[in-house]
Protein backbone atom coordinates (compact mmCIF):
# COMPACT_ATOMS: atom_id res chain seq x y z
CA MET A 1 -64.80 8.57 68.28
CA PRO A 2 -67.60 10.40 66.42
CA ARG A 3 -66.79 12.12 63.16
CA SER A 4 -66.05 15.57 63.06
CA SER A 5 -69.16 17.50 61.71
CA VAL A 6 -69.03 19.40 58.18
CA ARG A 7 -69.68 22.68 60.25
CA GLU A 8 -66.97 22.20 62.49
CA ASP A 9 -64.48 21.40 60.14
CA LEU A 10 -65.71 24.48 58.12
CA LEU A 11 -65.00 26.66 60.98
CA ARG A 12 -61.66 25.28 61.74
CA ARG A 13 -60.36 26.11 58.27
CA LEU A 14 -62.24 29.56 57.97
CA ARG A 15 -60.52 30.45 61.10
CA GLU A 16 -57.12 29.44 60.15
CA HIS A 17 -57.80 31.26 56.68
CA VAL A 18 -59.08 34.51 58.54
CA ALA A 19 -56.20 34.68 60.99
CA VAL A 20 -53.78 34.24 58.18
CA ALA A 21 -55.47 37.00 56.04
CA GLU A 22 -55.96 39.54 59.13
CA ALA A 23 -52.10 39.57 59.07
CA HIS A 24 -51.58 40.46 55.53
CA PRO A 25 -53.29 43.72 53.54
CA ALA A 26 -56.70 43.82 52.09
CA GLU A 27 -55.11 43.70 48.55
CA ASP A 28 -53.64 40.37 49.20
CA TYR A 29 -56.11 38.58 51.13
CA PRO A 30 -59.46 39.95 50.74
CA LEU A 31 -61.75 39.22 53.40
CA ASP A 32 -65.48 39.32 51.80
CA VAL A 33 -67.74 36.20 51.77
CA ARG A 34 -67.02 35.58 47.97
CA SER A 35 -63.24 35.73 48.26
CA VAL A 36 -63.14 33.39 51.49
CA ALA A 37 -65.58 30.97 49.91
CA ALA A 38 -63.41 30.71 46.90
CA ALA A 39 -59.88 30.26 49.03
CA LEU A 40 -61.85 27.69 50.93
CA ALA A 41 -63.58 25.99 47.73
CA VAL A 42 -67.13 25.90 49.33
CA SER A 43 -70.21 27.71 48.15
CA PRO A 44 -70.74 31.26 49.59
CA THR A 45 -74.26 29.94 50.06
CA THR A 46 -72.56 27.60 52.59
CA LEU A 47 -71.01 30.32 54.90
CA TYR A 48 -74.14 32.08 55.00
CA LYS A 49 -75.92 29.04 55.82
CA TYR A 50 -73.70 28.24 58.85
CA GLY A 51 -73.69 31.99 59.80
CA PHE A 52 -70.04 32.65 58.90
CA ASN A 53 -70.32 35.73 57.08
CA ARG A 54 -70.56 37.67 60.35
CA GLU A 55 -67.44 36.09 61.34
CA ILE A 56 -65.95 37.35 58.00
CA ASN A 57 -67.28 40.81 58.22
CA ALA A 58 -65.82 41.24 61.66
CA ALA A 59 -62.14 39.93 60.60
CA GLU A 60 -62.69 42.26 57.66
CA GLN A 61 -63.25 45.33 60.24
CA ARG A 62 -60.44 44.15 62.08
CA GLN A 63 -58.17 43.57 59.01
CA GLN A 64 -59.13 47.15 57.96
CA GLU A 65 -58.59 48.70 61.14
CA ASN A 66 -55.70 47.19 62.11
CA GLY A 67 -53.49 47.04 58.68
CA HIS A 68 -50.55 48.17 60.91
CA VAL A 69 -50.73 45.86 63.78
CA SER A 70 -48.15 43.46 64.73
CA GLY A 71 -48.40 39.60 64.06
CA SER A 72 -48.12 38.88 67.49
CA ASP A 73 -51.29 41.05 68.57
CA ILE A 74 -53.13 39.44 65.76
CA GLU A 75 -52.05 36.23 67.22
CA LYS A 76 -53.35 37.46 70.71
CA ARG A 77 -56.60 38.47 69.26
CA SER A 78 -57.20 35.18 67.55
CA PHE A 79 -56.54 33.18 70.88
CA HIS A 80 -58.83 35.57 72.67
CA ASP A 81 -61.61 34.92 70.21
CA GLN A 82 -60.98 31.31 70.71
CA VAL A 83 -61.22 31.31 74.15
CA ARG A 84 -64.52 33.29 73.71
CA GLY A 85 -65.64 30.64 71.86
CA LEU A 86 -64.89 27.77 73.76
CA SER A 87 -66.76 29.71 76.67
CA GLN A 88 -69.77 30.14 74.78
CA GLU A 89 -69.70 26.37 73.87
CA LEU A 90 -69.05 25.38 77.75
CA GLU A 91 -72.09 27.68 78.69
CA LYS A 92 -74.29 25.68 76.06
CA GLU A 93 -72.88 22.32 77.49
CA ARG A 94 -73.79 23.51 81.23
CA GLU A 95 -77.27 24.35 80.30
CA HIS A 96 -77.59 21.02 78.37
CA ASN A 97 -76.32 19.54 81.64
CA LYS A 98 -78.76 21.19 83.89
CA ALA A 99 -81.85 19.79 81.07
CA LEU A 100 -80.71 16.33 81.74
CA VAL A 101 -80.53 16.92 85.85
CA ALA A 102 -84.08 18.33 85.53
CA ARG A 103 -84.93 15.54 83.51
CA ILE A 104 -83.54 12.79 86.31
CA ALA A 105 -85.60 14.82 88.73
CA ILE A 106 -88.63 14.13 86.79
CA MET A 107 -87.99 10.67 86.24
CA GLU A 108 -87.24 9.97 90.00
CA ALA A 109 -90.63 11.79 90.70
CA ASN A 110 -92.74 9.64 88.50
CA ALA A 111 -91.08 6.44 89.90
CA ALA A 112 -92.06 7.58 93.24
CA ARG A 113 -95.74 8.55 92.25
CA LEU A 114 -95.88 5.13 90.42
CA GLY A 115 -94.78 3.32 93.79
CA PHE A 116 -91.35 2.37 92.74
CA ASP A 117 -88.35 3.46 94.73
CA PRO A 118 -86.20 5.67 92.63
CA GLU A 119 -83.11 4.43 94.38
CA GLU A 120 -83.69 1.13 92.37
CA MET A 121 -83.22 3.10 89.25
CA TYR A 122 -79.42 3.58 90.18
CA LYS A 123 -78.85 -0.03 90.77
CA PRO A 124 -76.95 -1.68 88.19
CA MET A 125 -78.63 -4.42 85.52
CA LEU A 126 -77.97 -8.06 86.74
CA LYS A 127 -76.11 -9.81 84.22
CA PRO A 128 -78.23 -13.05 82.40
CA VAL A 129 -78.03 -16.43 83.82
CA ARG A 130 -75.75 -18.33 81.44
CA THR A 131 -75.47 -21.43 83.31
CA VAL A 132 -77.12 -23.32 80.62
CA SER A 133 -76.55 -23.24 77.03
CA ARG A 134 -79.33 -22.70 74.85
CA ALA A 135 -77.55 -23.48 71.54
CA GLY A 136 -80.10 -24.95 69.03
CA ALA A 137 -82.79 -24.30 70.92
CA THR A 138 -86.03 -23.37 69.09
CA GLY A 139 -88.35 -20.63 70.11
CA GLY A 140 -85.66 -17.98 69.72
CA PRO A 141 -86.24 -14.87 67.47
CA ALA A 142 -84.96 -16.34 64.37
CA HIS A 143 -87.48 -19.33 64.67
CA ARG A 144 -90.72 -17.00 65.44
CA GLY A 145 -91.81 -16.29 62.20
CA HIS A 146 -91.46 -20.17 61.47
CA GLN A 147 -93.75 -21.60 64.06
CA ARG A 148 -97.09 -23.05 62.81
CA ARG A 149 -100.53 -22.22 64.19
């Protein structure tokens, strides 16, 4: 399983902090880039670099507009924002898949153009012949540099 990126980890921490901050008054949890950067123990430049300042500004706007909104409404809005983010991510993945399908179609067309059967590309690779042991045999990659000419 690959490691999560710094950006994804920071985005997760930012969204958690923003969700808590929106439920409290601006005096207790200020939502500006410098305050959020201090709360997350990162540089404000990092937040600007990843474009999180827009999300912070939007959260600050919601915090000011909804100073009297209940916690459940804020939670619903947070879930709605998560769904929107995941939908955008899904759309990006769909575009990526379309690009891969187009690339495979080009490979098949090139195989046919070069005289190969495109269906041959989908056959599984044959396993190597292992009926004879090659242990101790010279001429392998480790010995090629030591051959005399």
